[in-house]
Amino acid sequence: MDELEFFIGIDLGASNVRVALADSNYRVYRKIKEPTVKTDSAEKLTEQVCALVRRVGGDRLDRVKGLGVGSIGPLDYRRGTLLNPANLPLGEIPLGESLRDEFNLPVYVLNDCTVAALGEKVFGSGIDCNNLFYVTLSSGIGGGAIVDGNLLIGKDGNAVEIGHIVVDLDGRLKCGCGGRGHWEAYCSGKNIPLFVKYLVEVYPDKFYGGKIRELIEDDNVTTENLFYLAKIGDEYSLKIIREIRKINAIGFANINTVFDPELIIVGGSIALHNEKLILQPVKEYIKQYTINRIPEIKITTLRDDVVLYGAIALAMHPPRIFKQD
């Protein structure tokens, strides 16, 4: 009987780092999570990731055949380098190089949502799909796509940065990347509070009332508070959610028009915790903005571990583009 091979997946996010060990039979042995080191040093971050790899590998580390990384972007996949991510502004972070030097193993680094799409194809709801799209609605907004069975990567590894499509021609709000009018500037967890304050300031007669007034006066506007108030029926919170719903429907419609997927899988904390307020309206209103047949749209069954499972799949099945370099 052939000896099992092992692979390690790494999910590097702005809030947490998740690392898991799996074998060649797709069995996951260990999973660990830590808050992402928030310092002014890229070196401290790479040291944290290396330490987590050693911990999760344990006594099987010498049998590990490869490391897969799903990371926030932008990035240069050839070098495995993060290029000053907006939500983790540490300059260039040479993660791939650091992992290769530390463990002398093949290391594959791709955008986290690209990796999530691969995870859905290998472990999740997309096993039987040749055309699927993964969307995360979280602190940021991102996407990953498999089209005609091929994982889309792009020249630098930054294909399908769907959060940075323009949904507001007037560019009323500025995105963390510096661009204006981007989807992420209005509907991401990090930026929804700014959108709330904008709506209240510009359209006070429509949006400044109810519990929203209290949040503004107490300087306590958060994404979590907005959705909580909407769930308990606050009229003004629901009005703001309807504005977010409209922009989300436009974003999903653009995905459907450009990629024509048979399945759109949705993850991220906003979607996972507010499915009725987020996903149901998208399903209802997307048809107003796209000409293509509406695909199935569903929440990821892999939940918070979707990128982690994708990173494992990346280590096991690196795309051909890595073998060409």
C-alpha atoms as a PDB file:
ATOM      1  CA  MET A   1       0.000   0.000   0.000  1.00  0.00           C
ATOM      2  CA  ASP A   2       1.363   3.402  -1.018  1.00  0.00           C
ATOM      3  CA  GLU A   3       2.289   5.684   1.835  1.00  0.00           C
ATOM      4  CA  LEU A   4       0.019   8.692   2.194  1.00  0.00           C
ATOM      5  CA  GLU A   5       1.314  12.063   1.095  1.00  0.00           C
ATOM      6  CA  PHE A   6       0.426  15.210   3.012  1.00  0.00           C
ATOM      7  CA  PHE A   7      -0.385  18.772   1.984  1.00  0.00           C
ATOM      8  CA  ILE A   8      -0.834  22.007   3.912  1.00  0.00           C
ATOM      9  CA  GLY A   9      -3.314  24.746   3.071  1.00  0.00           C
ATOM     10  CA  ILE A  10      -3.029  28.326   4.313  1.00  0.00           C
ATOM     11  CA  ASP A  11      -5.771  30.948   4.323  1.00  0.00           C
ATOM     12  CA  LEU A  12      -4.207  34.365   4.928  1.00  0.00           C
ATOM     13  CA  GLY A  13      -6.825  37.019   5.608  1.00  0.00           C
ATOM     14  CA  ALA A  14      -6.751  40.489   7.075  1.00  0.00           C
ATOM     15  CA  SER A  15      -8.410  39.242  10.278  1.00  0.00           C
ATOM     16  CA  ASN A  16      -7.255  35.631  10.665  1.00  0.00           C
ATOM     17  CA  VAL A  17      -4.742  33.082   9.432  1.00  0.00           C
ATOM     18  CA  ARG A  18      -6.088  29.535   9.053  1.00  0.00           C
ATOM     19  CA  VAL A  19      -3.829  26.548   8.392  1.00  0.00           C
ATOM     20  CA  ALA A  20      -4.771  22.892   7.823  1.00  0.00           C
ATOM     21  CA  LEU A  21      -3.086  19.555   7.161  1.00  0.00           C
ATOM     22  CA  ALA A  22      -4.663  17.061   4.741  1.00  0.00           C
ATOM     23  CA  ASP A  23      -3.618  13.809   3.115  1.00  0.00           C
ATOM     24  CA  SER A  24      -3.761  12.576  -0.473  1.00  0.00           C
ATOM     25  CA  ASN A  25      -7.108  10.901   0.268  1.00  0.00           C
ATOM     26  CA  TYR A  26      -8.597  14.382   0.960  1.00  0.00           C
ATOM     27  CA  ARG A  27      -8.877  13.752   4.678  1.00  0.00           C
ATOM     28  CA  VAL A  28      -8.262  16.862   6.791  1.00  0.00           C
ATOM     29  CA  TYR A  29      -6.349  16.078   9.996  1.00  0.00           C
ATOM     30  CA  ARG A  30      -5.763  19.350  11.793  1.00  0.00           C
ATOM     31  CA  LYS A  31      -6.989  22.919  11.505  1.00  0.00           C
ATOM     32  CA  ILE A  32      -5.707  25.883  13.486  1.00  0.00           C
ATOM     33  CA  LYS A  33      -6.553  29.584  13.434  1.00  0.00           C
ATOM     34  CA  GLU A  34      -4.948  32.723  14.839  1.00  0.00           C
ATOM     35  CA  PRO A  35      -5.645  36.440  14.492  1.00  0.00           C
ATOM     36  CA  THR A  36      -3.439  37.884  11.768  1.00  0.00           C
ATOM     37  CA  VAL A  37      -0.429  39.719  13.153  1.00  0.00           C
ATOM     38  CA  LYS A  38      -1.123  43.433  12.761  1.00  0.00           C
ATOM     39  CA  THR A  39       2.267  45.151  12.853  1.00  0.00           C
ATOM     40  CA  ASP A  40       4.255  47.365  10.535  1.00  0.00           C
ATOM     41  CA  SER A  41       6.486  44.429   9.636  1.00  0.00           C
ATOM     42  CA  ALA A  42       5.996  41.988   6.765  1.00  0.00           C
ATOM     43  CA  GLU A  43       8.670  39.838   8.417  1.00  0.00           C
ATOM     44  CA  LYS A  44       6.538  39.357  11.545  1.00  0.00           C
ATOM     45  CA  LEU A  45       3.644  38.194   9.399  1.00  0.00           C
ATOM     46  CA  THR A  46       5.717  35.647   7.472  1.00  0.00           C
ATOM     47  CA  GLU A  47       7.173  34.392  10.754  1.00  0.00           C
ATOM     48  CA  GLN A  48       3.646  33.849  12.066  1.00  0.00           C
ATOM     49  CA  VAL A  49       2.617  31.842   9.005  1.00  0.00           C
ATOM     50  CA  CYS A  50       5.771  29.707   9.155  1.00  0.00           C
ATOM     51  CA  ALA A  51       5.180  28.983  12.844  1.00  0.00           C
ATOM     52  CA  LEU A  52       1.599  27.884  12.129  1.00  0.00           C
ATOM     53  CA  VAL A  53       2.776  25.583   9.336  1.00  0.00           C
ATOM     54  CA  ARG A  54       5.215  23.912  11.736  1.00  0.00           C
ATOM     55  CA  ARG A  55       2.474  23.488  14.324  1.00  0.00           C
ATOM     56  CA  VAL A  56      -0.092  21.988  11.981  1.00  0.00           C
ATOM     57  CA  GLY A  57       2.456  19.759  10.258  1.00  0.00           C
ATOM     58  CA  GLY A  58       3.762  18.344  13.499  1.00  0.00           C
ATOM     59  CA  ASP A  59       5.356  14.914  13.151  1.00  0.00           C
ATOM     60  CA  ARG A  60       4.084  14.649   9.549  1.00  0.00           C
ATOM     61  CA  LEU A  61       5.872  17.766   8.325  1.00  0.00           C
ATOM     62  CA  ASP A  62       8.631  15.728   6.684  1.00  0.00           C
ATOM     63  CA  ARG A  63       5.967  13.952   4.573  1.00  0.00           C
ATOM     64  CA  VAL A  64       4.356  17.172   3.305  1.00  0.00           C
ATOM     65  CA  LYS A  65       4.676  17.531  -0.478  1.00  0.00           C
ATOM     66  CA  GLY A  66       3.460  21.071  -1.012  1.00  0.00           C
ATOM     67  CA  LEU A  67       1.940  24.228   0.455  1.00  0.00           C
ATOM     68  CA  GLY A  68      -1.029  26.078  -1.010  1.00  0.00           C
ATOM     69  CA  VAL A  69      -1.878  29.630  -0.009  1.00  0.00           C
ATOM     70  CA  GLY A  70      -5.075  31.602  -0.533  1.00  0.00           C
ATOM     71  CA  SER A  71      -4.277  35.216   0.292  1.00  0.00           C
ATOM     72  CA  ILE A  72      -5.826  38.629   0.180  1.00  0.00           C
ATOM     73  CA  GLY A  73      -4.499  40.570  -2.797  1.00  0.00           C
ATOM     74  CA  PRO A  74      -3.314  42.096  -4.947  1.00  0.00           C
ATOM     75  CA  LEU A  75      -0.376  39.798  -5.493  1.00  0.00           C
ATOM     76  CA  ASP A  76       2.236  38.559  -7.928  1.00  0.00           C
ATOM     77  CA  TYR A  77       1.641  34.817  -8.094  1.00  0.00           C
ATOM     78  CA  ARG A  78       4.967  34.079  -9.830  1.00  0.00           C
ATOM     79  CA  ARG A  79       6.923  35.335  -6.835  1.00  0.00           C
ATOM     80  CA  GLY A  80       4.215  34.507  -4.304  1.00  0.00           C
ATOM     81  CA  THR A  81       4.402  38.124  -3.141  1.00  0.00           C
ATOM     82  CA  LEU A  82       1.564  40.199  -1.716  1.00  0.00           C
ATOM     83  CA  LEU A  83       1.571  43.732  -3.099  1.00  0.00           C
ATOM     84  CA  ASN A  84       0.549  46.018  -0.224  1.00  0.00           C
ATOM     85  CA  PRO A  85      -3.025  44.732   0.303  1.00  0.00           C
ATOM     86  CA  ALA A  86      -5.483  47.495   1.203  1.00  0.00           C
ATOM     87  CA  ASN A  87      -6.638  45.614   4.308  1.00  0.00           C
ATOM     88  CA  LEU A  88      -3.116  44.577   5.346  1.00  0.00           C
ATOM     89  CA  PRO A  89      -0.889  47.518   4.344  1.00  0.00           C
ATOM     90  CA  LEU A  90       2.588  46.169   5.045  1.00  0.00           C
ATOM     91  CA  GLY A  91       4.141  46.884   1.674  1.00  0.00           C
ATOM     92  CA  GLU A  92       5.427  43.903  -0.298  1.00  0.00           C
ATOM     93  CA  ILE A  93       5.090  40.660   1.662  1.00  0.00           C
ATOM     94  CA  PRO A  94       7.349  37.898   0.216  1.00  0.00           C
ATOM     95  CA  LEU A  95       5.260  35.067   1.616  1.00  0.00           C
ATOM     96  CA  GLY A  96       6.027  32.459  -1.038  1.00  0.00           C
ATOM     97  CA  GLU A  97       9.770  33.042  -0.844  1.00  0.00           C
ATOM     98  CA  SER A  98       9.731  32.870   2.956  1.00  0.00           C
ATOM     99  CA  LEU A  99       7.814  29.578   2.968  1.00  0.00           C
ATOM    100  CA  ARG A 100      10.060  28.025   0.307  1.00  0.00           C
ATOM    101  CA  ASP A 101      13.207  29.067   2.176  1.00  0.00           C
ATOM    102  CA  GLU A 102      11.869  27.761   5.482  1.00  0.00           C
ATOM    103  CA  PHE A 103      10.496  24.386   4.342  1.00  0.00           C
ATOM    104  CA  ASN A 104      12.169  23.644   1.000  1.00  0.00           C
ATOM    105  CA  LEU A 105       8.823  22.698  -0.545  1.00  0.00           C
ATOM    106  CA  PRO A 106       6.788  23.774  -3.581  1.00  0.00           C
ATOM    107  CA  VAL A 107       4.643  26.772  -2.604  1.00  0.00           C
ATOM    108  CA  TYR A 108       1.675  28.023  -4.627  1.00  0.00           C
ATOM    109  CA  VAL A 109       0.142  31.407  -3.813  1.00  0.00           C
ATOM    110  CA  LEU A 110      -3.086  32.675  -5.355  1.00  0.00           C
ATOM    111  CA  ASN A 111      -5.799  35.191  -4.525  1.00  0.00           C
ATOM    112  CA  ASP A 112      -8.040  33.909  -1.736  1.00  0.00           C
ATOM    113  CA  CYS A 113     -11.258  33.992  -3.761  1.00  0.00           C
ATOM    114  CA  THR A 114      -9.608  32.282  -6.725  1.00  0.00           C
ATOM    115  CA  VAL A 115      -8.523  29.581  -4.301  1.00  0.00           C
ATOM    116  CA  ALA A 116     -12.047  29.437  -2.837  1.00  0.00           C
ATOM    117  CA  ALA A 117     -13.442  28.679  -6.295  1.00  0.00           C
ATOM    118  CA  LEU A 118     -10.997  25.775  -6.528  1.00  0.00           C
ATOM    119  CA  GLY A 119     -12.064  24.620  -3.072  1.00  0.00           C
ATOM    120  CA  GLU A 120     -15.702  24.560  -4.150  1.00  0.00           C
ATOM    121  CA  LYS A 121     -14.761  22.558  -7.241  1.00  0.00           C
ATOM    122  CA  VAL A 122     -12.798  19.945  -5.284  1.00  0.00           C
ATOM    123  CA  PHE A 123     -14.536  19.826  -1.875  1.00  0.00           C
ATOM    124  CA  GLY A 124     -17.779  21.775  -2.118  1.00  0.00           C
ATOM    125  CA  SER A 125     -20.914  22.400  -4.147  1.00  0.00           C
ATOM    126  CA  GLY A 126     -19.124  22.789  -7.471  1.00  0.00           C
ATOM    127  CA  ILE A 127     -17.809  19.251  -7.897  1.00  0.00           C
ATOM    128  CA  ASP A 128     -19.991  18.629 -10.950  1.00  0.00           C
ATOM    129  CA  CYS A 129     -19.716  22.186 -12.369  1.00  0.00           C
ATOM    130  CA  ASN A 130     -17.455  23.343 -15.175  1.00  0.00           C
ATOM    131  CA  ASN A 131     -18.630  26.964 -14.856  1.00  0.00           C
ATOM    132  CA  LEU A 132     -18.853  28.320 -11.342  1.00  0.00           C
ATOM    133  CA  PHE A 133     -18.228  31.600  -9.611  1.00  0.00           C
ATOM    134  CA  TYR A 134     -17.391  32.213  -5.970  1.00  0.00           C
ATOM    135  CA  VAL A 135     -18.205  35.565  -4.327  1.00  0.00           C
ATOM    136  CA  THR A 136     -17.217  36.655  -0.850  1.00  0.00           C
ATOM    137  CA  LEU A 137     -19.116  39.417   0.911  1.00  0.00           C
ATOM    138  CA  SER A 138     -16.982  40.099   3.948  1.00  0.00           C
ATOM    139  CA  SER A 139     -14.650  42.876   5.126  1.00  0.00           C
ATOM    140  CA  GLY A 140     -13.948  43.175   1.399  1.00  0.00           C
ATOM    141  CA  ILE A 141     -15.639  41.833  -1.715  1.00  0.00           C
ATOM    142  CA  GLY A 142     -13.864  39.361  -3.972  1.00  0.00           C
ATOM    143  CA  GLY A 143     -14.454  36.677  -6.540  1.00  0.00           C
ATOM    144  CA  GLY A 144     -13.035  33.579  -8.154  1.00  0.00           C
ATOM    145  CA  ALA A 145     -14.098  31.788 -11.321  1.00  0.00           C
ATOM    146  CA  ILE A 146     -13.836  28.471 -13.077  1.00  0.00           C
ATOM    147  CA  VAL A 147     -14.835  28.822 -16.738  1.00  0.00           C
ATOM    148  CA  ASP A 148     -15.135  25.777 -18.998  1.00  0.00           C
ATOM    149  CA  GLY A 149     -13.235  23.797 -16.370  1.00  0.00           C
ATOM    150  CA  ASN A 150     -10.340  26.263 -16.165  1.00  0.00           C
ATOM    151  CA  LEU A 151      -9.413  28.251 -13.073  1.00  0.00           C
ATOM    152  CA  LEU A 152      -9.037  31.910 -14.054  1.00  0.00           C
ATOM    153  CA  ILE A 153      -5.819  33.421 -12.699  1.00  0.00           C
ATOM    154  CA  GLY A 154      -4.751  36.369 -14.881  1.00  0.00           C
ATOM    155  CA  LYS A 155      -1.352  37.696 -15.842  1.00  0.00           C
ATOM    156  CA  ASP A 156      -0.328  38.467 -12.237  1.00  0.00           C
ATOM    157  CA  GLY A 157      -2.838  36.360 -10.341  1.00  0.00           C
ATOM    158  CA  ASN A 158      -5.397  39.124  -9.885  1.00  0.00           C
ATOM    159  CA  ALA A 159      -8.159  38.035 -12.242  1.00  0.00           C
ATOM    160  CA  VAL A 160     -11.757  38.417 -11.090  1.00  0.00           C
ATOM    161  CA  GLU A 161     -11.213  41.227  -8.559  1.00  0.00           C
ATOM    162  CA  ILE A 162     -14.955  41.687  -8.706  1.00  0.00           C
ATOM    163  CA  GLY A 163     -15.088  43.986  -5.671  1.00  0.00           C
ATOM    164  CA  HIS A 164     -13.414  46.675  -7.739  1.00  0.00           C
ATOM    165  CA  ILE A 165     -15.890  46.827 -10.578  1.00  0.00           C
ATOM    166  CA  VAL A 166     -17.527  50.248 -10.823  1.00  0.00           C
ATOM    167  CA  VAL A 167     -21.156  50.295  -9.688  1.00  0.00           C
ATOM    168  CA  ASP A 168     -21.441  54.057  -9.219  1.00  0.00           C
ATOM    169  CA  LEU A 169     -20.573  56.192 -12.233  1.00  0.00           C
ATOM    170  CA  ASP A 170     -20.488  59.331 -10.072  1.00  0.00           C
ATOM    171  CA  GLY A 171     -17.846  57.764  -7.815  1.00  0.00           C
ATOM    172  CA  ARG A 172     -19.436  59.109  -4.660  1.00  0.00           C
ATOM    173  CA  LEU A 173     -17.378  56.914  -2.339  1.00  0.00           C
ATOM    174  CA  LYS A 174     -13.683  56.051  -2.411  1.00  0.00           C
ATOM    175  CA  CYS A 175     -12.561  52.426  -2.139  1.00  0.00           C
ATOM    176  CA  GLY A 176      -9.694  51.288   0.075  1.00  0.00           C
ATOM    177  CA  CYS A 177      -7.677  50.646  -3.096  1.00  0.00           C
ATOM    178  CA  GLY A 178      -7.938  54.339  -4.017  1.00  0.00           C
ATOM    179  CA  GLY A 179     -10.458  53.934  -6.829  1.00  0.00           C
ATOM    180  CA  ARG A 180     -13.890  55.520  -6.752  1.00  0.00           C
ATOM    181  CA  GLY A 181     -17.343  54.013  -7.188  1.00  0.00           C
ATOM    182  CA  HIS A 182     -16.232  50.413  -6.586  1.00  0.00           C
ATOM    183  CA  TRP A 183     -18.689  47.784  -5.341  1.00  0.00           C
ATOM    184  CA  GLU A 184     -16.496  47.194  -2.286  1.00  0.00           C
ATOM    185  CA  ALA A 185     -16.726  50.877  -1.292  1.00  0.00           C
ATOM    186  CA  TYR A 186     -20.480  50.526  -0.706  1.00  0.00           C
ATOM    187  CA  CYS A 187     -21.271  46.940   0.297  1.00  0.00           C
ATOM    188  CA  SER A 188     -18.245  45.470   2.099  1.00  0.00           C
ATOM    189  CA  GLY A 189     -18.160  45.046   5.862  1.00  0.00           C
ATOM    190  CA  LYS A 190     -15.366  47.565   6.168  1.00  0.00           C
ATOM    191  CA  ASN A 191     -17.121  50.247   4.129  1.00  0.00           C
ATOM    192  CA  ILE A 192     -20.842  49.834   4.849  1.00  0.00           C
ATOM    193  CA  PRO A 193     -20.556  52.239   7.836  1.00  0.00           C
ATOM    194  CA  LEU A 194     -19.158  54.902   5.485  1.00  0.00           C
ATOM    195  CA  PHE A 195     -22.041  54.304   3.100  1.00  0.00           C
ATOM    196  CA  VAL A 196     -24.515  54.651   5.980  1.00  0.00           C
ATOM    197  CA  LYS A 197     -22.986  57.988   6.999  1.00  0.00           C
ATOM    198  CA  TYR A 198     -23.037  59.172   3.389  1.00  0.00           C
ATOM    199  CA  LEU A 199     -26.727  58.351   2.959  1.00  0.00           C
ATOM    200  CA  VAL A 200     -27.655  59.996   6.248  1.00  0.00           C
ATOM    201  CA  GLU A 201     -25.678  63.142   5.429  1.00  0.00           C
ATOM    202  CA  VAL A 202     -26.890  63.567   1.847  1.00  0.00           C
ATOM    203  CA  TYR A 203     -30.466  62.269   2.235  1.00  0.00           C
ATOM    204  CA  PRO A 204     -31.381  62.948   5.887  1.00  0.00           C
ATOM    205  CA  ASP A 205     -35.138  63.057   5.266  1.00  0.00           C
ATOM    206  CA  LYS A 206     -35.048  59.493   3.953  1.00  0.00           C
ATOM    207  CA  PHE A 207     -32.405  57.779   6.081  1.00  0.00           C
ATOM    208  CA  TYR A 208     -31.882  59.768   9.314  1.00  0.00           C
ATOM    209  CA  GLY A 209     -34.368  58.380  11.779  1.00  0.00           C
ATOM    210  CA  GLY A 210     -35.255  55.477  14.033  1.00  0.00           C
ATOM    211  CA  LYS A 211     -32.381  53.586  15.577  1.00  0.00           C
ATOM    212  CA  ILE A 212     -30.016  54.855  12.868  1.00  0.00           C
ATOM    213  CA  ARG A 213     -30.255  58.300  14.460  1.00  0.00           C
ATOM    214  CA  GLU A 214     -29.107  56.799  17.749  1.00  0.00           C
ATOM    215  CA  LEU A 215     -26.154  55.021  16.114  1.00  0.00           C
ATOM    216  CA  ILE A 216     -25.041  58.239  14.449  1.00  0.00           C
ATOM    217  CA  GLU A 217     -25.363  60.280  17.636  1.00  0.00           C
ATOM    218  CA  ASP A 218     -23.453  57.633  19.635  1.00  0.00           C
ATOM    219  CA  ASP A 219     -20.812  57.274  16.885  1.00  0.00           C
ATOM    220  CA  ASN A 220     -21.589  53.548  16.885  1.00  0.00           C
ATOM    221  CA  VAL A 221     -22.293  52.838  13.227  1.00  0.00           C
ATOM    222  CA  THR A 222     -21.039  49.348  12.410  1.00  0.00           C
ATOM    223  CA  THR A 223     -22.037  46.788   9.822  1.00  0.00           C
ATOM    224  CA  GLU A 224     -23.084  44.396  12.591  1.00  0.00           C
ATOM    225  CA  ASN A 225     -25.316  47.008  14.232  1.00  0.00           C
ATOM    226  CA  LEU A 226     -26.975  47.920  10.938  1.00  0.00           C
ATOM    227  CA  PHE A 227     -27.919  44.329  10.160  1.00  0.00           C
ATOM    228  CA  TYR A 228     -29.059  43.703  13.723  1.00  0.00           C
ATOM    229  CA  LEU A 229     -31.427  46.668  13.550  1.00  0.00           C
ATOM    230  CA  ALA A 230     -32.705  45.550  10.165  1.00  0.00           C
ATOM    231  CA  LYS A 231     -33.442  42.087  11.552  1.00  0.00           C
ATOM    232  CA  ILE A 232     -35.544  43.528  14.367  1.00  0.00           C
ATOM    233  CA  GLY A 233     -37.476  45.641  11.879  1.00  0.00           C
ATOM    234  CA  ASP A 234     -36.068  49.154  12.245  1.00  0.00           C
ATOM    235  CA  GLU A 235     -37.560  51.098   9.327  1.00  0.00           C
ATOM    236  CA  TYR A 236     -34.569  53.304   8.549  1.00  0.00           C
ATOM    237  CA  SER A 237     -32.084  50.451   8.776  1.00  0.00           C
ATOM    238  CA  LEU A 238     -34.190  48.484   6.298  1.00  0.00           C
ATOM    239  CA  LYS A 239     -34.165  51.453   3.926  1.00  0.00           C
ATOM    240  CA  ILE A 240     -30.361  51.431   3.958  1.00  0.00           C
ATOM    241  CA  ILE A 241     -30.265  47.661   3.499  1.00  0.00           C
ATOM    242  CA  ARG A 242     -32.440  48.136   0.400  1.00  0.00           C
ATOM    243  CA  GLU A 243     -29.799  50.462  -1.060  1.00  0.00           C
ATOM    244  CA  ILE A 244     -27.111  47.852  -0.366  1.00  0.00           C
ATOM    245  CA  ARG A 245     -29.373  45.200  -1.886  1.00  0.00           C
ATOM    246  CA  LYS A 246     -29.690  47.164  -5.118  1.00  0.00           C
ATOM    247  CA  ILE A 247     -25.932  47.552  -5.527  1.00  0.00           C
ATOM    248  CA  ASN A 248     -25.335  43.875  -4.676  1.00  0.00           C
ATOM    249  CA  ALA A 249     -27.874  42.860  -7.322  1.00  0.00           C
ATOM    250  CA  ILE A 250     -25.975  44.942  -9.885  1.00  0.00           C
ATOM    251  CA  GLY A 251     -22.705  43.287  -8.862  1.00  0.00           C
ATOM    252  CA  PHE A 252     -24.132  39.787  -9.154  1.00  0.00           C
ATOM    253  CA  ALA A 253     -25.746  40.666 -12.469  1.00  0.00           C
ATOM    254  CA  ASN A 254     -22.371  41.791 -13.822  1.00  0.00           C
ATOM    255  CA  ILE A 255     -20.897  38.462 -12.750  1.00  0.00           C
ATOM    256  CA  ASN A 256     -23.650  36.589 -14.540  1.00  0.00           C
ATOM    257  CA  THR A 257     -23.356  38.688 -17.700  1.00  0.00           C
ATOM    258  CA  VAL A 258     -19.570  38.408 -17.952  1.00  0.00           C
ATOM    259  CA  PHE A 259     -18.971  34.816 -16.824  1.00  0.00           C
ATOM    260  CA  ASP A 260     -22.300  33.041 -17.488  1.00  0.00           C
ATOM    261  CA  PRO A 261     -21.825  30.560 -14.606  1.00  0.00           C
ATOM    262  CA  GLU A 262     -24.141  27.657 -13.907  1.00  0.00           C
ATOM    263  CA  LEU A 263     -23.608  28.186 -10.174  1.00  0.00           C
ATOM    264  CA  ILE A 264     -22.735  31.217  -8.039  1.00  0.00           C
ATOM    265  CA  ILE A 265     -21.547  30.277  -4.553  1.00  0.00           C
ATOM    266  CA  VAL A 266     -21.515  32.968  -1.891  1.00  0.00           C
ATOM    267  CA  GLY A 267     -19.424  33.160   1.254  1.00  0.00           C
ATOM    268  CA  GLY A 268     -18.004  35.735   3.640  1.00  0.00           C
ATOM    269  CA  SER A 269     -19.256  36.844   7.033  1.00  0.00           C
ATOM    270  CA  ILE A 270     -21.896  39.284   5.742  1.00  0.00           C
ATOM    271  CA  ALA A 271     -23.543  36.647   3.568  1.00  0.00           C
ATOM    272  CA  LEU A 272     -23.171  33.793   6.051  1.00  0.00           C
ATOM    273  CA  HIS A 273     -24.764  35.727   8.909  1.00  0.00           C
ATOM    274  CA  ASN A 274     -27.417  37.664   6.960  1.00  0.00           C
ATOM    275  CA  GLU A 275     -28.617  35.283   4.266  1.00  0.00           C
ATOM    276  CA  LYS A 276     -32.238  36.463   4.213  1.00  0.00           C
ATOM    277  CA  LEU A 277     -31.307  40.132   4.043  1.00  0.00           C
ATOM    278  CA  ILE A 278     -28.550  39.642   1.455  1.00  0.00           C
ATOM    279  CA  LEU A 279     -29.030  36.551  -0.669  1.00  0.00           C
ATOM    280  CA  GLN A 280     -32.796  36.415  -1.091  1.00  0.00           C
ATOM    281  CA  PRO A 281     -33.009  39.975  -2.464  1.00  0.00           C
ATOM    282  CA  VAL A 282     -30.131  39.312  -4.869  1.00  0.00           C
ATOM    283  CA  LYS A 283     -31.981  36.294  -6.245  1.00  0.00           C
ATOM    284  CA  GLU A 284     -35.086  38.426  -6.669  1.00  0.00           C
ATOM    285  CA  TYR A 285     -33.539  41.522  -8.266  1.00  0.00           C
ATOM    286  CA  ILE A 286     -30.619  40.189 -10.322  1.00  0.00           C
ATOM    287  CA  LYS A 287     -32.926  39.563 -13.283  1.00  0.00           C
ATOM    288  CA  GLN A 288     -33.448  43.319 -13.652  1.00  0.00           C
ATOM    289  CA  TYR A 289     -29.804  43.855 -14.587  1.00  0.00           C
ATOM    290  CA  THR A 290     -28.586  40.870 -16.657  1.00  0.00           C
ATOM    291  CA  ILE A 291     -29.517  39.321 -19.988  1.00  0.00           C
ATOM    292  CA  ASN A 292     -28.155  35.846 -19.273  1.00  0.00           C
ATOM    293  CA  ARG A 293     -30.157  33.011 -17.766  1.00  0.00           C
ATOM    294  CA  ILE A 294     -30.064  33.276 -13.984  1.00  0.00           C
ATOM    295  CA  PRO A 295     -27.888  30.555 -12.403  1.00  0.00           C
ATOM    296  CA  GLU A 296     -28.364  28.819  -9.109  1.00  0.00           C
ATOM    297  CA  ILE A 297     -27.138  31.068  -6.282  1.00  0.00           C
ATOM    298  CA  LYS A 298     -26.364  29.482  -2.907  1.00  0.00           C
ATOM    299  CA  ILE A 299     -24.372  29.872   0.283  1.00  0.00           C
ATOM    300  CA  THR A 300     -21.133  27.897   0.503  1.00  0.00           C
ATOM    301  CA  THR A 301     -21.390  24.624   2.402  1.00  0.00           C
ATOM    302  CA  LEU A 302     -17.720  25.012   3.366  1.00  0.00           C
ATOM    303  CA  ARG A 303     -18.610  28.112   5.404  1.00  0.00           C
ATOM    304  CA  ASP A 304     -15.607  29.938   6.937  1.00  0.00           C
ATOM    305  CA  ASP A 305     -13.183  27.253   5.747  1.00  0.00           C
ATOM    306  CA  VAL A 306     -13.832  27.654   2.016  1.00  0.00           C
ATOM    307  CA  VAL A 307     -10.469  29.346   1.321  1.00  0.00           C
ATOM    308  CA  LEU A 308      -8.675  26.875   3.581  1.00  0.00           C
ATOM    309  CA  TYR A 309     -10.076  23.910   1.649  1.00  0.00           C
ATOM    310  CA  GLY A 310      -9.206  25.688  -1.570  1.00  0.00           C
ATOM    311  CA  ALA A 311      -5.627  26.137  -0.416  1.00  0.00           C
ATOM    312  CA  ILE A 312      -5.403  22.410   0.267  1.00  0.00           C
ATOM    313  CA  ALA A 313      -6.758  21.730  -3.227  1.00  0.00           C
ATOM    314  CA  LEU A 314      -4.203  24.183  -4.658  1.00  0.00           C
ATOM    315  CA  ALA A 315      -1.320  22.334  -2.975  1.00  0.00           C
ATOM    316  CA  MET A 316      -2.640  19.019  -4.324  1.00  0.00           C
ATOM    317  CA  HIS A 317      -3.553  20.180  -7.823  1.00  0.00           C
ATOM    318  CA  PRO A 318      -1.545  23.275  -8.798  1.00  0.00           C
ATOM    319  CA  PRO A 319      -2.808  24.792 -12.082  1.00  0.00           C
ATOM    320  CA  ARG A 320      -0.742  24.273 -15.217  1.00  0.00           C
ATOM    321  CA  ILE A 321       0.319  27.915 -15.190  1.00  0.00           C
ATOM    322  CA  PHE A 322       2.679  27.205 -12.273  1.00  0.00           C
ATOM    323  CA  LYS A 323       4.341  24.409 -14.213  1.00  0.00           C
ATOM    324  CA  GLN A 324       5.019  26.746 -17.126  1.00  0.00           C
ATOM    325  CA  ASP A 325       7.206  29.084 -15.083  1.00  0.00           C
END
